Amino acid sequence: MEKDAGSEAKLGRMRDWLLLGALLGGNVALALGPLLVRLADTGPVSAAFWRLFLALPFLVLFARMAGQRLGGMPRKTLVLVAIGAFAFAGDLASWHIGIGMTRLGNATLFGNAGSIILLFWGFIIARTLPRGLEWLAIVCALGGAAILMGRSLEISTATFVGDLFCVAAGLLYAVYLLTLQGERARFGSWSLLVWVSVFACPVLLALAVALGEPVLPTDWTPVVVLFITSQLIGQGLLVFSLGHFPPLFIGLALLTQPAIAAVIGYSVFGEVLSLLDIGGMVLLGSALVVARATTRKAGPGMVQRK
């Protein structure tokens, strides 16, 4: 009996380490996204299109493996999916454009601001004032954003505009999450992501063509690696691990993304961060952690996927 108990404890520890590795691995995979968007020889919106389109068959497979139905959705759900897909397409397009205009650390932090926006939305819906740590999140978010945007404006108006594009992406991602929050519990994250991708892909393609971007890559490597790391490995590992950790821990793990992006920005593109930049990133990152910990859990579909 003691031997069995010891084996079970060992298996439990191995499982815990596996889940932790999946959570961190998913965040690391997603942190590579901004680099790959810059390396792609398509336009940024075109890269967003390929990111979704190439992943679509695999998303269908994941949905079927999870036992989630892909057909038989009522018209109301399809309308909500269409609205959510437009928001998601706008999120990816805006974020990818912003990546090319601002520093990678800024892009990752602002692009993941959905948790903070959801926190503000909760106050509006409940018609209540923030309490305790929620005030801390607001102060840190405003202070960190002001520092980072101010520093971007010192560098160039283009980097400041890039920050705004990434903030807009975070706002649109929050709209996407809120639109499909109820349906996600009914139909499953993978199933909805399939339908969202089906609606979003034509929107992204049309937008890329309208902007005059090159759509077909001459070097497929960055685009293929982007869809594998961001849509398959990143999303897959996070969906696998999110239900097993408290929101605060998930928020802390999320901070690996801007940290890795900032290191990549420095080592590959020479994006130097001053102490003031680092202070702004710490403030905004702290706000993300607090917001993620205090915002009501939206289920596995609420993936910070930047």
Protein backbone atom coordinates (compact mmCIF):
# COMPACT_ATOMS: atom_id res chain seq x y z
CA MET A 1 0.00 0.00 0.00
CA GLU A 2 2.83 2.41 0.88
CA LYS A 3 4.53 1.60 -2.41
CA ASP A 4 1.28 2.35 -4.30
CA ALA A 5 0.86 5.64 -2.43
CA GLY A 6 4.45 6.59 -3.26
CA SER A 7 3.93 5.77 -6.93
CA GLU A 8 0.76 7.83 -7.03
CA ALA A 9 2.54 10.78 -5.40
CA LYS A 10 5.38 10.49 -7.92
CA LEU A 11 2.93 10.39 -10.81
CA GLY A 12 1.13 13.42 -9.33
CA ARG A 13 4.37 15.39 -9.19
CA MET A 14 5.22 14.41 -12.75
CA ARG A 15 1.77 15.53 -13.87
CA ASP A 16 2.19 18.88 -12.09
CA TRP A 17 5.54 19.47 -13.78
CA LEU A 18 4.05 18.48 -17.13
CA LEU A 19 1.22 20.99 -16.73
CA LEU A 20 3.64 23.71 -15.66
CA GLY A 21 5.84 22.94 -18.66
CA ALA A 22 2.80 23.13 -20.95
CA LEU A 23 1.76 26.51 -19.50
CA LEU A 24 5.24 28.01 -19.82
CA GLY A 25 5.87 26.33 -23.19
CA GLY A 26 2.65 27.78 -24.58
CA ASN A 27 3.67 31.28 -23.50
CA VAL A 28 7.17 30.86 -24.96
CA ALA A 29 5.72 29.68 -28.28
CA LEU A 30 3.39 32.68 -28.41
CA ALA A 31 6.26 35.05 -27.55
CA LEU A 32 7.94 34.12 -30.84
CA GLY A 33 4.96 35.47 -32.83
CA PRO A 34 6.09 39.12 -33.15
CA LEU A 35 9.53 38.07 -34.44
CA LEU A 36 7.97 35.83 -37.09
CA VAL A 37 5.53 38.55 -38.17
CA ARG A 38 8.48 40.86 -38.80
CA LEU A 39 10.44 38.17 -40.64
CA ALA A 40 7.54 37.29 -42.97
CA ASP A 41 7.94 38.77 -46.45
CA THR A 42 4.18 39.17 -46.79
CA GLY A 43 2.38 42.18 -45.36
CA PRO A 44 1.45 42.03 -41.66
CA VAL A 45 -2.26 41.48 -42.31
CA SER A 46 -1.43 38.81 -44.89
CA ALA A 47 0.66 37.05 -42.24
CA ALA A 48 -2.40 37.11 -39.96
CA PHE A 49 -4.46 35.52 -42.74
CA TRP A 50 -1.97 32.68 -43.28
CA ARG A 51 -1.65 32.21 -39.53
CA LEU A 52 -5.35 31.34 -39.32
CA PHE A 53 -5.87 29.72 -42.71
CA LEU A 54 -3.00 27.21 -42.45
CA ALA A 55 -4.10 26.23 -38.94
CA LEU A 56 -7.74 25.63 -39.88
CA PRO A 57 -7.50 21.88 -40.76
CA PHE A 58 -5.66 21.23 -37.50
CA LEU A 59 -8.25 23.16 -35.49
CA VAL A 60 -10.95 20.95 -37.02
CA LEU A 61 -8.94 17.90 -35.93
CA PHE A 62 -8.53 19.28 -32.39
CA ALA A 63 -12.26 19.96 -32.15
CA ARG A 64 -13.11 16.41 -33.23
CA MET A 65 -10.54 14.91 -30.85
CA ALA A 66 -12.11 16.92 -28.01
CA GLY A 67 -15.57 15.65 -28.97
CA GLN A 68 -16.84 19.14 -29.81
CA ARG A 69 -19.48 19.41 -32.52
CA LEU A 70 -18.81 21.56 -35.57
CA GLY A 71 -22.30 21.60 -37.07
CA GLY A 72 -25.83 22.27 -35.93
CA MET A 73 -25.19 25.71 -34.47
CA PRO A 74 -28.30 27.89 -34.21
CA ARG A 75 -28.52 31.10 -36.22
CA LYS A 76 -28.07 33.25 -33.12
CA THR A 77 -24.74 31.54 -32.38
CA LEU A 78 -23.55 31.98 -35.96
CA VAL A 79 -24.40 35.69 -35.80
CA LEU A 80 -22.39 36.02 -32.59
CA VAL A 81 -19.55 34.05 -34.16
CA ALA A 82 -19.58 36.40 -37.16
CA ILE A 83 -19.42 39.46 -34.87
CA GLY A 84 -16.67 37.85 -32.79
CA ALA A 85 -14.77 36.87 -35.93
CA PHE A 86 -14.80 40.47 -37.21
CA ALA A 87 -13.41 41.60 -33.85
CA PHE A 88 -10.81 38.82 -33.89
CA ALA A 89 -9.76 39.67 -37.47
CA GLY A 90 -9.46 43.32 -36.47
CA ASP A 91 -7.45 42.30 -33.41
CA LEU A 92 -4.93 40.28 -35.41
CA ALA A 93 -4.68 42.86 -38.21
CA SER A 94 -4.20 45.75 -35.79
CA TRP A 95 -1.68 43.85 -33.68
CA HIS A 96 0.38 42.65 -36.66
CA ILE A 97 0.52 46.19 -38.05
CA GLY A 98 1.56 47.51 -34.65
CA ILE A 99 4.34 44.91 -34.36
CA GLY A 100 6.11 46.46 -37.33
CA MET A 101 5.87 49.98 -35.91
CA THR A 102 6.78 49.69 -32.21
CA ARG A 103 9.12 47.72 -29.97
CA LEU A 104 8.38 44.01 -29.53
CA GLY A 105 8.05 44.27 -25.74
CA ASN A 106 5.50 47.09 -26.07
CA ALA A 107 3.58 45.21 -28.75
CA THR A 108 3.30 42.09 -26.61
CA LEU A 109 2.23 43.93 -23.47
CA PHE A 110 -0.34 46.18 -25.15
CA GLY A 111 -1.62 43.36 -27.34
CA ASN A 112 -2.31 41.29 -24.22
CA ALA A 113 -4.22 44.09 -22.50
CA GLY A 114 -7.52 42.23 -22.89
CA SER A 115 -7.54 41.21 -19.22
CA ILE A 116 -7.31 44.85 -18.11
CA ILE A 117 -10.07 45.88 -20.51
CA LEU A 118 -12.29 43.05 -19.24
CA LEU A 119 -11.66 44.28 -15.71
CA PHE A 120 -12.89 47.77 -16.66
CA TRP A 121 -15.87 46.24 -18.46
CA GLY A 122 -16.81 44.34 -15.31
CA PHE A 123 -17.05 47.63 -13.40
CA ILE A 124 -19.32 49.09 -16.09
CA ILE A 125 -21.65 46.08 -16.16
CA ALA A 126 -21.84 45.74 -12.38
CA ARG A 127 -22.03 49.54 -11.91
CA THR A 128 -19.56 49.29 -9.06
CA LEU A 129 -16.29 50.99 -8.18
CA PRO A 130 -13.00 49.07 -8.02
CA ARG A 131 -11.89 47.61 -4.71
CA GLY A 132 -8.51 46.76 -3.22
CA LEU A 133 -6.17 45.21 -5.77
CA GLU A 134 -8.43 46.38 -8.59
CA TRP A 135 -7.42 49.97 -7.86
CA LEU A 136 -3.80 48.84 -7.91
CA ALA A 137 -4.30 47.26 -11.35
CA ILE A 138 -5.82 50.47 -12.71
CA VAL A 139 -3.04 52.68 -11.33
CA CYS A 140 -0.32 50.33 -12.61
CA ALA A 141 -1.98 50.02 -16.03
CA LEU A 142 -2.35 53.77 -16.51
CA GLY A 143 1.14 54.50 -15.16
CA GLY A 144 2.85 51.79 -17.18
CA ALA A 145 1.00 52.67 -20.38
CA ALA A 146 1.80 56.37 -19.95
CA ILE A 147 5.52 55.64 -19.47
CA LEU A 148 5.78 53.24 -22.42
CA MET A 149 3.77 55.44 -24.78
CA GLY A 150 5.68 58.52 -23.69
CA ARG A 151 8.97 56.76 -24.39
CA SER A 152 7.66 55.63 -27.79
CA LEU A 153 6.72 59.22 -28.61
CA GLU A 154 10.26 60.30 -27.71
CA ILE A 155 11.68 57.76 -30.16
CA SER A 156 9.27 58.46 -33.05
CA THR A 157 5.64 59.25 -33.72
CA ALA A 158 5.58 55.99 -35.72
CA THR A 159 6.37 53.90 -32.64
CA PHE A 160 3.67 55.79 -30.69
CA VAL A 161 1.15 54.99 -33.44
CA GLY A 162 2.34 51.39 -33.29
CA ASP A 163 1.54 51.34 -29.57
CA LEU A 164 -1.95 52.63 -30.36
CA PHE A 165 -2.47 49.85 -32.92
CA CYS A 166 -1.50 47.28 -30.28
CA VAL A 167 -3.81 48.85 -27.67
CA ALA A 168 -6.61 48.70 -30.24
CA ALA A 169 -5.79 45.02 -30.74
CA GLY A 170 -6.19 44.38 -27.00
CA LEU A 171 -9.55 46.17 -27.06
CA LEU A 172 -10.78 44.15 -30.04
CA TYR A 173 -9.65 40.92 -28.43
CA ALA A 174 -11.71 41.76 -25.34
CA VAL A 175 -14.72 42.36 -27.63
CA TYR A 176 -14.10 38.94 -29.18
CA LEU A 177 -13.95 37.23 -25.78
CA LEU A 178 -17.07 38.98 -24.46
CA THR A 179 -19.08 38.29 -27.62
CA LEU A 180 -18.50 34.53 -27.46
CA GLN A 181 -18.21 34.04 -23.70
CA GLY A 182 -21.57 32.30 -23.31
CA GLU A 183 -21.31 30.24 -26.50
CA ARG A 184 -17.85 28.97 -25.59
CA ALA A 185 -19.25 27.03 -22.65
CA ARG A 186 -21.94 25.47 -24.86
CA PHE A 187 -19.93 24.49 -27.92
CA GLY A 188 -16.30 24.33 -26.78
CA SER A 189 -13.25 26.47 -27.46
CA TRP A 190 -11.89 24.52 -30.44
CA SER A 191 -15.24 24.31 -32.21
CA LEU A 192 -15.81 28.05 -31.90
CA LEU A 193 -12.25 28.80 -32.98
CA VAL A 194 -12.86 26.80 -36.16
CA TRP A 195 -15.94 28.87 -37.00
CA VAL A 196 -14.24 32.11 -36.00
CA SER A 197 -11.36 31.28 -38.33
CA VAL A 198 -13.76 30.44 -41.18
CA PHE A 199 -15.37 33.88 -40.85
CA ALA A 200 -12.15 35.79 -40.08
CA CYS A 201 -9.96 34.46 -42.90
CA PRO A 202 -11.90 36.15 -45.76
CA VAL A 203 -11.98 39.41 -43.77
CA LEU A 204 -8.20 39.35 -43.28
CA LEU A 205 -7.56 38.43 -46.92
CA ALA A 206 -9.83 41.21 -48.20
CA LEU A 207 -8.20 43.73 -45.87
CA ALA A 208 -4.69 42.68 -46.97
CA VAL A 209 -5.63 43.06 -50.64
CA ALA A 210 -7.30 46.44 -49.95
CA LEU A 211 -4.10 47.64 -48.24
CA GLY A 212 -2.05 46.56 -51.25
CA GLU A 213 0.01 44.06 -49.28
CA PRO A 214 1.89 41.14 -50.86
CA VAL A 215 -0.18 38.11 -49.94
CA LEU A 216 1.80 35.13 -51.24
CA PRO A 217 5.12 34.72 -49.42
CA THR A 218 8.28 33.97 -51.38
CA ASP A 219 9.77 32.41 -48.23
CA TRP A 220 7.16 30.27 -46.50
CA THR A 221 9.31 29.47 -43.45
CA PRO A 222 8.31 32.41 -41.17
CA VAL A 223 4.62 32.05 -42.03
CA VAL A 224 4.59 28.28 -41.47
CA VAL A 225 6.51 28.58 -38.19
CA LEU A 226 4.13 31.38 -37.13
CA PHE A 227 1.01 29.26 -37.54
CA ILE A 228 2.67 26.24 -35.89
CA THR A 229 3.97 28.14 -32.85
CA SER A 230 1.11 30.60 -32.36
CA GLN A 231 -2.02 28.72 -33.43
CA LEU A 232 -1.06 25.09 -32.78
CA ILE A 233 1.62 24.82 -30.10
CA GLY A 234 0.82 28.04 -28.22
CA GLN A 235 -2.95 27.72 -28.27
CA GLY A 236 -2.84 23.94 -27.81
CA LEU A 237 -0.56 23.97 -24.76
CA LEU A 238 -2.46 26.81 -23.10
CA VAL A 239 -5.88 25.21 -23.60
CA PHE A 240 -4.38 21.99 -22.22
CA SER A 241 -3.00 23.66 -19.09
CA LEU A 242 -5.23 26.66 -18.27
CA GLY A 243 -7.89 24.77 -16.33
CA HIS A 244 -5.33 23.42 -13.86
CA PHE A 245 -3.92 26.68 -12.46
CA PRO A 246 -5.37 29.61 -10.50
CA PRO A 247 -5.80 32.86 -12.47
CA LEU A 248 -2.98 34.61 -10.54
CA PHE A 249 -0.47 31.94 -11.56
CA ILE A 250 -1.64 32.16 -15.18
CA GLY A 251 -1.13 35.91 -15.07
CA LEU A 252 2.41 35.48 -13.77
CA ALA A 253 3.19 32.94 -16.48
CA LEU A 254 1.87 35.41 -19.05
CA LEU A 255 4.74 37.76 -18.18
CA THR A 256 7.18 35.39 -19.88
CA GLN A 257 5.81 36.64 -23.21
CA PRO A 258 6.80 40.34 -23.02
CA ALA A 259 10.09 39.40 -21.33
CA ILE A 260 11.05 37.07 -24.17
CA ALA A 261 9.79 39.53 -26.78
CA ALA A 262 11.91 42.31 -25.24
CA VAL A 263 15.00 40.08 -25.31
CA ILE A 264 14.33 39.20 -28.96
CA GLY A 265 13.79 42.87 -29.77
CA TYR A 266 17.15 43.73 -28.21
CA SER A 267 19.17 40.84 -29.66
CA VAL A 268 17.71 40.79 -33.19
CA PHE A 269 16.58 44.37 -33.83
CA GLY A 270 18.71 46.35 -31.39
CA GLU A 271 15.69 47.65 -29.43
CA VAL A 272 17.35 48.99 -26.29
CA LEU A 273 15.26 49.41 -23.14
CA SER A 274 16.09 52.11 -20.60
CA LEU A 275 15.43 51.75 -16.87
CA LEU A 276 12.32 53.89 -17.38
CA ASP A 277 11.10 51.50 -20.12
CA ILE A 278 11.67 48.53 -17.81
CA GLY A 279 9.79 50.34 -15.03
CA GLY A 280 6.85 50.95 -17.37
CA MET A 281 6.84 47.31 -18.45
CA VAL A 282 6.90 46.17 -14.82
CA LEU A 283 3.95 48.42 -13.97
CA LEU A 284 1.88 47.32 -16.97
CA GLY A 285 2.85 43.69 -16.44
CA SER A 286 1.79 43.92 -12.80
CA ALA A 287 -1.56 45.32 -13.92
CA LEU A 288 -2.00 42.35 -16.28
CA VAL A 289 -1.29 39.91 -13.46
CA VAL A 290 -3.70 41.59 -11.02
CA ALA A 291 -6.39 41.95 -13.70
CA ARG A 292 -6.05 38.31 -14.71
CA ALA A 293 -6.31 37.27 -11.05
CA THR A 294 -9.38 39.38 -10.27
CA THR A 295 -11.32 39.02 -13.53
CA ARG A 296 -13.90 36.25 -13.48
CA LYS A 297 -12.62 33.22 -15.31
CA ALA A 298 -13.91 32.99 -18.88
CA GLY A 299 -12.97 29.35 -19.43
CA PRO A 300 -10.28 27.71 -21.60
CA GLY A 301 -11.13 29.89 -24.57
CA MET A 302 -9.84 32.97 -22.79
CA VAL A 303 -6.32 32.43 -24.03
CA GLN A 304 -3.80 35.25 -24.02
CA ARG A 305 -2.48 34.30 -27.41
CA LYS A 306 -0.23 37.13 -28.43
